[in-house]
């Protein structure tokens, strides 16, 4: 066997022996939450009776968000959003750091050549004559390579790997959060458009009421107080119109920021679907709380915990001897011409061992620090699960109650509408003054605004449930039939409930229904 192979045999043996690890055996902490949700997964927006393979995470965002314009905005955000780009770059940085740390597990080998000429004065030379000596050397060398007998480097590499995997999960979480933010901004935009339409109709009708009272005052039938009450109603409607327009501009600004400059167009087609609650598909939420362990933020927290566990192994290994090797194989000669001649082969093998004896307590401090950081990571992991459990529970509380709330508010709109009709009739017949009409119209408008706000909250709650259960990573659903729209039944709110014109007509006649001529 060649001599250089024999010389490197200890290196191979050392690498084989480096299977020892002093890191504690990793065990996933038990989830500090109940096995089942505290609130049944029922109500609008929840898909019941689905197989275990169908989860929110398995529903692609193109299937969950049904509006084409919203799908286009999400696609633009995934392409242009700067926060998502930062998350991607963080992955690249973590991958590079892992590769750097992992490279220390293998020896580095390089080629080199050296030449040296030196003059020794006569009084230092054994012959008493000055001597000029030369030495040339070329070969393959291995700088000091630490033999990882106790797993220090391997544990550091394991920690870097888990930090890299944590950044991968963080990127998934950033994408899921980004998609939900785009959806919420788009829902705010649609709700603002509905409010603008409602406020504009109210302002037009209030203008008609004001003109009516003005004519009655000119005829000596109405008072100046009634005219001022009509003006109050008109100015309030105008103020609400400007507030709704401002909300729309702000929602568009949010979309531009999230999508990297893309602005939403008209939402006429989406408004009817918004009022009916058909913009989003249902979410499967009947699974136990273990589904939270697959959330990217929970997975990222667990990878950070595993990295902290590996760092304990590296801190423990620092108490043991470290062994390093330096090797060289090549040729050497006193003459440059004889560098590659026969008999010029040379090799060297230099093992070194260092044993810590006294370090002023720094090694124990490093171990205590690693253990404390692991305890912190455990608490953060458990806290992440608890936060995820609460997010799902809050969203389920919404799905269990929003349907009934919307039905109640729909009835409130109908009752308020009837009150407007009766108050206008009594005012026309001289039974009541205009204050009763004003109060009835203001109550109706507030009820309609509240209905729009509750519908917005219900749709945003469904987006929150989709996000809380890990949905938004996939673009399309891989499981056929895993998406279903509304659970059936009549919608709690109809478009006409928000669009019915109930205020007094300019000519003082009966209120007119949408689409009819007075």
Protein backbone atom coordinates (compact mmCIF):
# COMPACT_ATOMS: atom_id res chain seq x y z
CA UNK A 1 0.00 0.00 0.00
CA UNK A 2 1.42 3.43 -0.85
CA UNK A 3 2.89 5.32 2.05
CA UNK A 4 0.70 8.40 1.59
CA UNK A 5 -2.38 6.18 1.89
CA UNK A 6 -1.06 4.80 5.15
CA UNK A 7 -0.35 8.29 6.31
CA UNK A 8 -3.94 9.38 5.75
CA UNK A 9 -5.45 6.28 7.33
CA UNK A 10 -5.65 7.88 10.79
CA UNK A 11 -7.65 10.71 9.25
CA UNK A 12 -10.22 8.30 7.87
CA UNK A 13 -10.34 6.46 11.19
CA UNK A 14 -10.91 9.70 13.06
CA UNK A 15 -13.75 10.65 10.76
CA UNK A 16 -15.39 7.26 11.36
CA UNK A 17 -15.03 7.69 15.11
CA UNK A 18 -16.71 11.07 15.04
CA UNK A 19 -20.19 9.57 15.43
CA UNK A 20 -20.44 10.46 19.11
CA UNK A 21 -22.84 13.26 20.06
CA UNK A 22 -23.32 14.77 23.49
CA UNK A 23 -26.54 16.57 22.59
CA UNK A 24 -29.61 15.61 24.66
CA UNK A 25 -32.06 13.31 22.90
CA UNK A 26 -34.65 15.55 21.33
CA UNK A 27 -38.24 14.99 22.35
CA UNK A 28 -41.04 17.22 21.10
CA UNK A 29 -42.70 18.96 24.06
CA UNK A 30 -46.37 18.03 24.49
CA UNK A 31 -48.76 20.61 23.08
CA UNK A 32 -50.00 22.78 25.98
CA UNK A 33 -53.54 22.98 24.54
CA UNK A 34 -56.64 20.82 24.54
CA UNK A 35 -57.03 18.06 21.98
CA UNK A 36 -60.29 19.51 20.62
CA UNK A 37 -61.45 23.02 19.87
CA UNK A 38 -63.36 24.72 22.71
CA UNK A 39 -66.01 25.82 20.20
CA UNK A 40 -67.63 23.40 17.72
CA UNK A 41 -66.58 23.91 14.13
CA UNK A 42 -70.02 24.92 12.86
CA UNK A 43 -71.66 27.82 11.09
CA UNK A 44 -71.17 29.68 7.83
CA UNK A 45 -67.74 29.25 6.32
CA UNK A 46 -66.98 25.89 7.96
CA UNK A 47 -66.95 22.64 6.01
CA UNK A 48 -68.15 19.70 8.11
CA UNK A 49 -67.81 15.99 7.46
CA UNK A 50 -64.55 16.15 5.50
CA UNK A 51 -61.94 13.36 5.43
CA UNK A 52 -58.80 13.75 7.49
CA UNK A 53 -56.78 14.34 4.33
CA UNK A 54 -58.67 17.57 3.64
CA UNK A 55 -57.37 20.45 5.71
CA UNK A 56 -57.22 24.18 5.25
CA UNK A 57 -53.55 23.81 4.30
CA UNK A 58 -54.57 21.47 1.45
CA UNK A 59 -56.91 24.06 -0.09
CA UNK A 60 -55.10 26.27 -2.59
CA UNK A 61 -55.61 30.00 -2.35
CA UNK A 62 -56.96 30.14 -5.90
CA UNK A 63 -59.71 27.76 -4.80
CA UNK A 64 -60.46 29.50 -1.52
CA UNK A 65 -60.54 33.07 -2.89
CA UNK A 66 -63.08 32.89 -5.69
CA UNK A 67 -62.94 36.46 -7.02
CA UNK A 68 -60.75 36.71 -10.17
CA UNK A 69 -59.50 40.19 -9.34
CA UNK A 70 -58.49 39.10 -5.85
CA UNK A 71 -56.64 36.13 -7.31
CA UNK A 72 -54.76 38.47 -9.63
CA UNK A 73 -53.85 40.79 -6.74
CA UNK A 74 -52.54 37.88 -4.68
CA UNK A 75 -50.42 36.69 -7.60
CA UNK A 76 -48.96 40.19 -7.98
CA UNK A 77 -48.21 40.35 -4.26
CA UNK A 78 -46.40 37.01 -4.32
CA UNK A 79 -44.26 38.28 -7.16
CA UNK A 80 -43.53 41.83 -6.02
CA UNK A 81 -43.92 42.09 -2.24
CA UNK A 82 -40.69 43.21 -0.56
CA UNK A 83 -41.33 41.46 2.76
CA UNK A 84 -41.61 38.17 0.92
CA UNK A 85 -38.39 38.92 -0.95
CA UNK A 86 -36.61 39.54 2.36
CA UNK A 87 -37.88 36.17 3.60
CA UNK A 88 -36.47 34.49 0.48
CA UNK A 89 -33.12 36.21 0.89
CA UNK A 90 -33.05 35.12 4.54
CA UNK A 91 -33.40 31.54 3.33
CA UNK A 92 -30.42 31.98 1.03
CA UNK A 93 -28.36 33.45 3.86
CA UNK A 94 -29.30 30.61 6.23
CA UNK A 95 -28.51 28.02 3.55
CA UNK A 96 -25.08 29.58 2.99
CA UNK A 97 -24.40 29.63 6.73
CA UNK A 98 -25.35 25.97 6.98
CA UNK A 99 -23.03 25.06 4.10
CA UNK A 100 -20.19 26.94 5.78
CA UNK A 101 -20.72 25.13 9.08
CA UNK A 102 -21.22 21.75 7.45
CA UNK A 103 -17.96 22.10 5.49
CA UNK A 104 -16.02 21.91 8.75
CA UNK A 105 -16.98 18.24 9.04
CA UNK A 106 -14.62 17.37 6.18
CA UNK A 107 -10.93 18.18 5.92
CA UNK A 108 -9.84 20.87 3.52
CA UNK A 109 -7.14 19.80 1.10
CA UNK A 110 -5.10 22.09 -1.08
CA UNK A 111 -1.98 22.18 -3.18
CA UNK A 112 0.94 24.44 -2.49
CA UNK A 113 4.54 25.12 -3.35
CA UNK A 114 7.22 26.87 -1.33
CA UNK A 115 10.80 27.89 -1.99
CA UNK A 116 13.39 29.17 0.43
CA UNK A 117 17.02 30.38 0.16
CA UNK A 118 18.94 31.29 3.28
CA UNK A 119 22.53 32.37 4.08
CA UNK A 120 24.11 31.22 7.32
CA UNK A 121 27.14 33.25 8.48
CA UNK A 122 30.41 31.42 9.16
CA UNK A 123 30.37 31.90 12.92
CA UNK A 124 27.04 30.04 13.01
CA UNK A 125 27.98 27.36 10.50
CA UNK A 126 29.50 24.08 11.72
CA UNK A 127 32.14 24.32 8.99
CA UNK A 128 33.10 27.84 9.95
CA UNK A 129 32.25 29.01 6.44
CA UNK A 130 29.24 30.94 5.37
CA UNK A 131 26.68 28.71 3.67
CA UNK A 132 23.84 29.52 1.26
CA UNK A 133 21.16 26.83 1.41
CA UNK A 134 18.09 26.26 -0.73
CA UNK A 135 14.92 24.29 -0.14
CA UNK A 136 12.01 23.74 -2.49
CA UNK A 137 8.81 21.92 -1.72
CA UNK A 138 5.57 21.15 -3.55
CA UNK A 139 2.70 18.90 -2.54
CA UNK A 140 -0.80 18.37 -1.28
CA UNK A 141 -1.48 19.55 2.25
CA UNK A 142 -4.26 19.33 4.77
CA UNK A 143 -4.32 22.22 7.23
CA UNK A 144 -5.33 21.63 10.82
CA UNK A 145 -8.47 19.49 10.75
CA UNK A 146 -10.40 18.93 13.95
CA UNK A 147 -11.45 15.33 14.47
CA UNK A 148 -15.00 15.61 15.74
CA UNK A 149 -14.80 12.80 18.28
CA UNK A 150 -17.38 14.33 20.62
CA UNK A 151 -19.72 15.84 18.04
CA UNK A 152 -19.00 19.54 18.60
CA UNK A 153 -18.81 20.44 14.93
CA UNK A 154 -21.59 18.06 13.98
CA UNK A 155 -23.90 19.60 16.56
CA UNK A 156 -23.06 23.06 15.33
CA UNK A 157 -23.88 21.85 11.83
CA UNK A 158 -27.17 20.40 13.09
CA UNK A 159 -28.01 23.73 14.71
CA UNK A 160 -27.28 25.58 11.46
CA UNK A 161 -29.44 23.11 9.54
CA UNK A 162 -32.41 23.68 11.84
CA UNK A 163 -31.95 27.44 11.64
CA UNK A 164 -32.06 27.12 7.87
CA UNK A 165 -35.21 25.00 8.05
CA UNK A 166 -36.73 27.57 10.41
CA UNK A 167 -36.19 30.31 7.82
CA UNK A 168 -37.90 28.08 5.24
CA UNK A 169 -40.95 27.82 7.48
CA UNK A 170 -40.79 31.53 8.23
CA UNK A 171 -40.96 32.21 4.52
CA UNK A 172 -44.09 30.03 4.28
CA UNK A 173 -45.60 31.95 7.18
CA UNK A 174 -44.77 35.27 5.52
CA UNK A 175 -46.54 34.11 2.34
CA UNK A 176 -49.62 32.93 4.24
CA UNK A 177 -49.76 36.21 6.14
CA UNK A 178 -49.26 38.22 2.96
CA UNK A 179 -52.13 36.45 1.20
CA UNK A 180 -54.46 37.08 4.13
CA UNK A 181 -53.43 40.75 4.24
CA UNK A 182 -54.18 41.17 0.52
CA UNK A 183 -57.56 39.49 1.00
CA UNK A 184 -58.42 41.70 3.98
CA UNK A 185 -57.42 44.86 2.10
CA UNK A 186 -59.52 43.79 -0.87
CA UNK A 187 -62.51 43.06 1.38
CA UNK A 188 -62.08 46.50 2.93
CA UNK A 189 -62.09 47.96 -0.57
CA UNK A 190 -65.31 46.16 -1.52
CA UNK A 191 -66.98 47.14 1.76
CA UNK A 192 -65.96 50.76 1.16
CA UNK A 193 -67.53 50.64 -2.31
CA UNK A 194 -70.75 49.27 -0.81
CA UNK A 195 -70.67 52.01 1.82
CA UNK A 196 -70.05 54.65 -0.86
CA UNK A 197 -73.04 53.41 -2.84
CA UNK A 198 -75.16 53.38 0.32
CA UNK A 199 -74.00 56.84 1.42
CA UNK A 200 -74.53 58.29 -2.06
CA UNK A 201 -78.09 56.97 -2.19
CA UNK A 202 -78.72 58.28 1.30
CA UNK A 203 -77.30 61.69 0.38
CA UNK A 204 -79.46 61.87 -2.76
CA UNK A 205 -82.55 60.93 -0.83
CA UNK A 206 -81.66 63.38 1.97
CA UNK A 207 -81.35 66.10 -0.66
CA UNK A 208 -84.85 65.19 -1.83
CA UNK A 209 -86.14 65.37 1.73
CA UNK A 210 -84.51 68.75 2.20
CA UNK A 211 -86.09 70.08 -1.01
CA UNK A 212 -89.47 68.74 0.12
CA UNK A 213 -89.27 70.49 3.49
CA UNK A 214 -88.09 73.67 1.75
CA UNK A 215 -91.19 73.65 -0.46
CA UNK A 216 -93.43 72.99 2.52
CA UNK A 217 -91.79 75.83 4.39
CA UNK A 218 -92.31 78.16 1.42
CA UNK A 219 -95.96 77.12 1.51
CA UNK A 220 -96.14 77.91 5.23
CA UNK A 221 -96.67 74.28 6.25
CA UNK A 222 -93.20 73.45 7.65
CA UNK A 223 -91.10 75.35 10.16
CA UNK A 224 -87.52 76.57 10.06
CA UNK A 225 -86.66 73.93 12.67
CA UNK A 226 -87.85 71.16 10.37
CA UNK A 227 -85.80 72.63 7.52
CA UNK A 228 -82.73 72.69 9.74
CA UNK A 229 -83.38 69.07 10.76
CA UNK A 230 -83.55 68.09 7.10
CA UNK A 231 -80.28 69.92 6.48
CA UNK A 232 -78.67 68.07 9.41
CA UNK A 233 -79.66 64.78 7.82
CA UNK A 234 -78.25 65.89 4.45
CA UNK A 235 -74.89 67.06 5.84
CA UNK A 236 -74.54 63.85 7.85
CA UNK A 237 -75.07 61.80 4.71
CA UNK A 238 -72.47 63.87 2.85
CA UNK A 239 -69.99 63.41 5.70
CA UNK A 240 -70.52 59.64 5.65
CA UNK A 241 -69.97 59.65 1.88
CA UNK A 242 -66.60 61.37 2.23
CA UNK A 243 -65.61 58.98 5.04
CA UNK A 244 -66.42 55.99 2.83
CA UNK A 245 -64.43 57.49 -0.04
CA UNK A 246 -61.46 57.98 2.27
CA UNK A 247 -61.71 54.37 3.45
CA UNK A 248 -61.62 53.21 -0.17
CA UNK A 249 -58.53 55.27 -0.94
CA UNK A 250 -56.78 53.89 2.13
CA UNK A 251 -57.71 50.32 1.20
CA UNK A 252 -56.28 50.89 -2.27
CA UNK A 253 -53.10 52.28 -0.71
CA UNK A 254 -52.79 49.11 1.36
CA UNK A 255 -53.20 46.98 -1.76
CA UNK A 256 -50.56 48.97 -3.62
CA UNK A 257 -48.10 48.43 -0.77
CA UNK A 258 -48.81 44.72 -0.54
CA UNK A 259 -48.77 44.05 -4.28
CA UNK A 260 -45.82 46.24 -5.14
CA UNK A 261 -47.81 48.93 -6.95
CA UNK A 262 -50.84 47.13 -8.41
CA UNK A 263 -54.12 48.94 -7.87
CA UNK A 264 -57.54 47.27 -7.78
CA UNK A 265 -60.09 48.21 -10.40
CA UNK A 266 -63.85 48.37 -10.09
CA UNK A 267 -65.59 45.99 -7.72
CA UNK A 268 -69.15 46.08 -9.11
CA UNK A 269 -69.20 42.33 -9.79
CA UNK A 270 -67.67 41.52 -6.40
CA UNK A 271 -70.07 43.66 -4.37
CA UNK A 272 -73.04 41.34 -4.87
CA UNK A 273 -70.92 38.31 -3.97
CA UNK A 274 -69.65 40.18 -0.92
CA UNK A 275 -73.16 40.96 0.29
CA UNK A 276 -74.21 37.35 -0.23
CA UNK A 277 -71.02 36.00 1.37
CA UNK A 278 -69.96 34.10 -1.75
CA UNK A 279 -66.48 35.53 -2.23
CA UNK A 280 -64.83 32.76 -0.20
CA UNK A 281 -65.08 28.99 -0.03
CA UNK A 282 -65.72 27.01 3.13
CA UNK A 283 -62.87 25.94 5.43
CA UNK A 284 -62.54 22.41 6.87
CA UNK A 285 -62.08 22.91 10.59
CA UNK A 286 -63.40 19.72 12.16
CA UNK A 287 -59.94 18.31 12.85
CA UNK A 288 -58.33 18.08 16.30
CA UNK A 289 -55.92 20.72 17.46
CA UNK A 290 -52.93 18.58 16.38
CA UNK A 291 -53.38 20.16 12.96
CA UNK A 292 -51.70 23.23 14.46
CA UNK A 293 -48.38 21.36 14.59
CA UNK A 294 -48.23 21.68 10.80
CA UNK A 295 -48.51 25.48 10.84
CA UNK A 296 -45.33 27.06 9.48
CA UNK A 297 -44.82 29.33 12.48
CA UNK A 298 -45.11 26.33 14.83
CA UNK A 299 -42.69 24.33 12.67
CA UNK A 300 -40.24 27.25 12.60
CA UNK A 301 -40.41 27.48 16.39
CA UNK A 302 -39.75 23.74 16.69
CA UNK A 303 -36.72 23.97 14.40
CA UNK A 304 -35.37 26.76 16.60
CA UNK A 305 -35.88 24.47 19.59
CA UNK A 306 -33.98 21.66 17.84
CA UNK A 307 -31.16 24.09 17.05
CA UNK A 308 -30.96 25.07 20.71
CA UNK A 309 -30.85 21.39 21.66
CA UNK A 310 -27.94 20.80 19.27
CA UNK A 311 -26.06 23.79 20.70
CA UNK A 312 -26.13 22.09 24.10
CA UNK A 313 -24.24 19.17 22.56
CA UNK A 314 -21.63 21.54 21.16
CA UNK A 315 -21.25 23.23 24.56
CA UNK A 316 -20.81 19.86 26.28
CA UNK A 317 -18.20 18.75 23.75
CA UNK A 318 -16.07 21.78 24.63
CA UNK A 319 -15.25 20.12 27.98
CA UNK A 320 -13.49 17.22 26.21
CA UNK A 321 -10.14 17.12 24.41
CA UNK A 322 -9.96 18.41 20.87
CA UNK A 323 -7.80 16.56 18.38
CA UNK A 324 -6.58 18.12 15.15
CA UNK A 325 -4.46 16.77 12.32
CA UNK A 326 -2.08 18.43 9.90
CA UNK A 327 -0.76 16.41 6.95
CA UNK A 328 1.45 17.04 3.93
CA UNK A 329 2.41 14.78 1.02
CA UNK A 330 4.65 15.90 -1.81
CA UNK A 331 8.26 16.28 -2.93
CA UNK A 332 11.15 18.33 -1.60
CA UNK A 333 14.64 19.06 -2.81
CA UNK A 334 17.53 21.39 -2.19
CA UNK A 335 17.67 22.05 -5.93
CA UNK A 336 14.76 23.24 -7.99
CA UNK A 337 15.81 20.89 -10.80
CA UNK A 338 15.65 17.89 -8.50
CA UNK A 339 12.20 18.65 -7.12
CA UNK A 340 10.54 15.88 -9.12
CA UNK A 341 13.48 13.51 -9.21
CA UNK A 342 13.67 10.07 -7.71
CA UNK A 343 13.77 9.83 -3.93
CA UNK A 344 12.36 13.33 -3.42
CA UNK A 345 9.05 12.21 -1.96
CA UNK A 346 8.21 13.53 1.49
CA UNK A 347 5.31 13.44 3.84
CA UNK A 348 4.46 14.66 7.31
CA UNK A 349 1.68 13.82 9.73
CA UNK A 350 1.17 15.97 12.83
CA UNK A 351 -1.59 15.12 15.29
CA UNK A 352 -2.29 17.61 18.06
CA UNK A 353 -4.40 17.24 21.16
CA UNK A 354 -5.60 19.99 23.50
CA UNK A 355 -7.30 19.37 26.82
CA UNK A 356 -9.01 22.21 28.68
CA UNK A 357 -7.75 22.44 32.26
CA UNK A 358 -8.73 25.89 33.45
CA UNK A 359 -10.88 28.37 31.52
CA UNK A 360 -12.12 30.62 34.29
CA UNK A 361 -15.59 29.09 34.22
CA UNK A 362 -16.25 30.11 30.63
CA UNK A 363 -17.04 26.56 29.50
CA UNK A 364 -19.59 26.07 32.26
CA UNK A 365 -21.02 29.47 31.42
CA UNK A 366 -21.38 28.52 27.77
CA UNK A 367 -23.17 25.30 28.73
CA UNK A 368 -25.49 27.15 31.11
CA UNK A 369 -26.20 29.69 28.37
CA UNK A 370 -27.05 26.93 25.87
CA UNK A 371 -29.36 25.24 28.37
CA UNK A 372 -31.08 28.53 29.19
CA UNK A 373 -31.61 29.23 25.51
CA UNK A 374 -33.17 25.80 25.09
CA UNK A 375 -35.59 26.56 27.93
CA UNK A 376 -36.44 29.82 26.20
CA UNK A 377 -37.00 27.97 22.93
CA UNK A 378 -39.32 25.49 24.67
CA UNK A 379 -41.37 28.33 26.14
CA UNK A 380 -41.51 30.08 22.76
CA UNK A 381 -42.59 26.87 21.04
CA UNK A 382 -45.36 26.29 23.57
CA UNK A 383 -46.40 29.94 23.33
CA UNK A 384 -46.60 29.71 19.54
CA UNK A 385 -48.92 26.70 19.81
CA UNK A 386 -51.09 28.46 22.38
CA UNK A 387 -51.34 31.55 20.18
CA UNK A 388 -52.26 29.40 17.19
CA UNK A 389 -54.91 27.60 19.26
CA UNK A 390 -56.41 30.92 20.30
CA UNK A 391 -56.46 32.22 16.72
CA UNK A 392 -58.40 29.18 15.55
CA UNK A 393 -60.72 29.31 18.56
CA UNK A 394 -61.46 33.00 17.98
CA UNK A 395 -62.21 32.37 14.31
CA UNK A 396 -64.49 29.43 15.21
CA UNK A 397 -66.30 31.69 17.67
CA UNK A 398 -66.97 33.98 14.73
CA UNK A 399 -68.24 31.25 12.42
CA UNK A 400 -70.56 30.02 15.17
CA UNK A 401 -72.20 33.42 15.73
CA UNK A 402 -71.91 35.62 12.64
CA UNK A 403 -74.76 33.90 10.79
CA UNK A 404 -77.23 34.63 13.58
CA UNK A 405 -75.89 38.16 13.97
CA UNK A 406 -76.31 38.88 10.26
CA UNK A 407 -79.85 37.51 10.32
CA UNK A 408 -80.68 39.75 13.28
CA UNK A 409 -79.18 42.80 11.58
CA UNK A 410 -81.04 41.98 8.39
CA UNK A 411 -84.25 42.03 10.43
CA UNK A 412 -83.14 45.32 11.97
CA UNK A 413 -82.76 46.84 8.50
CA UNK A 414 -86.25 45.66 7.53
CA UNK A 415 -87.77 47.03 10.75
CA UNK A 416 -85.94 50.34 10.32
CA UNK A 417 -87.11 50.56 6.74
CA UNK A 418 -90.70 50.08 7.85
CA UNK A 419 -90.24 52.78 10.51
CA UNK A 420 -89.11 55.23 7.83
CA UNK A 421 -92.18 54.50 5.74
CA UNK A 422 -94.53 55.01 8.69
CA UNK A 423 -92.80 58.16 9.91
CA UNK A 424 -92.93 59.69 6.43
CA UNK A 425 -96.63 58.87 6.20
CA UNK A 426 -97.33 60.46 9.60
CA UNK A 427 -95.31 63.54 8.65
CA UNK A 428 -97.17 63.86 5.37
CA UNK A 429 -100.49 63.72 7.20
CA UNK A 430 -99.35 66.23 9.82
CA UNK A 431 -99.40 63.80 12.74
CA UNK A 432 -95.65 64.11 13.56
CA UNK A 433 -92.99 66.67 12.85
CA UNK A 434 -89.89 66.02 10.71
CA UNK A 435 -87.83 65.00 13.74
CA UNK A 436 -89.50 61.58 13.70
CA UNK A 437 -88.60 61.18 10.03
CA UNK A 438 -85.05 62.27 10.73
CA UNK A 439 -84.61 59.77 13.56
CA UNK A 440 -86.08 56.94 11.48
CA UNK A 441 -83.83 57.69 8.50
CA UNK A 442 -80.76 57.98 10.68
CA UNK A 443 -81.57 54.66 12.38
CA UNK A 444 -82.03 53.00 8.99
CA UNK A 445 -78.73 54.27 7.66
CA UNK A 446 -76.89 53.17 10.81
CA UNK A 447 -78.50 49.73 10.55
CA UNK A 448 -77.43 49.42 6.91
CA UNK A 449 -73.89 50.53 7.76
CA UNK A 450 -73.74 48.06 10.61
CA UNK A 451 -74.90 45.30 8.30
CA UNK A 452 -72.08 46.06 5.86
CA UNK A 453 -69.57 46.16 8.70
CA UNK A 454 -70.75 42.83 10.07
CA UNK A 455 -70.56 41.22 6.64
CA UNK A 456 -67.00 42.55 6.32
CA UNK A 457 -66.14 41.16 9.75
CA UNK A 458 -67.67 37.78 8.84
CA UNK A 459 -65.66 37.54 5.61
CA UNK A 460 -62.46 38.69 7.36
CA UNK A 461 -63.10 36.09 10.07
CA UNK A 462 -63.29 33.36 7.44
CA UNK A 463 -59.96 34.55 6.00
CA UNK A 464 -58.52 34.50 9.53
CA UNK A 465 -59.70 30.91 10.03
CA UNK A 466 -58.14 29.86 6.72
CA UNK A 467 -54.85 31.48 7.75
CA UNK A 468 -54.96 30.18 11.33
CA UNK A 469 -55.29 26.61 10.07
CA UNK A 470 -52.27 27.00 7.77
CA UNK A 471 -54.04 27.75 4.50
CA UNK A 472 -52.43 29.86 1.79
CA UNK A 473 -49.21 28.03 0.97
CA UNK A 474 -50.54 26.04 -1.99
CA UNK A 475 -51.78 27.75 -5.12
CA UNK A 476 -54.20 24.99 -6.13
CA UNK A 477 -55.86 22.21 -4.18
CA UNK A 478 -54.25 18.79 -4.78
CA UNK A 479 -57.25 16.90 -3.37
CA UNK A 480 -60.24 16.79 -5.78
CA UNK A 481 -63.51 17.91 -4.23
CA UNK A 482 -61.79 19.45 -1.20
CA UNK A 483 -63.36 22.85 -1.78
CA UNK A 484 -66.97 23.69 -1.20
CA UNK A 485 -68.79 26.98 -1.23
CA UNK A 486 -71.56 28.06 1.13
CA UNK A 487 -73.09 25.40 3.34
CA UNK A 488 -76.53 25.94 1.83
CA UNK A 489 -79.69 27.78 2.81
CA UNK A 490 -80.79 31.32 2.15
CA UNK A 491 -78.24 34.04 2.71
CA UNK A 492 -78.70 36.15 5.81
CA UNK A 493 -78.35 39.32 3.78
CA UNK A 494 -79.67 40.15 0.34
CA UNK A 495 -78.37 42.94 -1.90
CA UNK A 496 -81.74 44.68 -1.83
CA UNK A 497 -81.55 44.90 1.95
CA UNK A 498 -78.62 47.27 1.54
CA UNK A 499 -79.81 49.07 -1.58
CA UNK A 500 -83.50 49.74 -0.91
CA UNK A 501 -84.27 53.41 -1.11
CA UNK A 502 -86.48 54.23 1.84
CA UNK A 503 -86.15 57.96 2.37
CA UNK A 504 -88.77 60.49 1.38
CA UNK A 505 -89.06 61.18 -2.33
CA UNK A 506 -88.60 64.73 -3.63
CA UNK A 507 -92.28 65.04 -4.46
CA UNK A 508 -93.44 63.90 -1.02
CA UNK A 509 -94.91 60.62 -2.30
CA UNK A 510 -94.43 57.09 -1.05
CA UNK A 511 -90.94 55.58 -1.05
CA UNK A 512 -89.93 53.79 -4.24
CA UNK A 513 -88.27 50.42 -4.60
CA UNK A 514 -84.96 50.12 -6.46
CA UNK A 515 -85.30 50.19 -10.22
CA UNK A 516 -88.78 51.77 -10.28
CA UNK A 517 -89.75 55.27 -11.31
CA UNK A 518 -91.54 57.50 -8.81
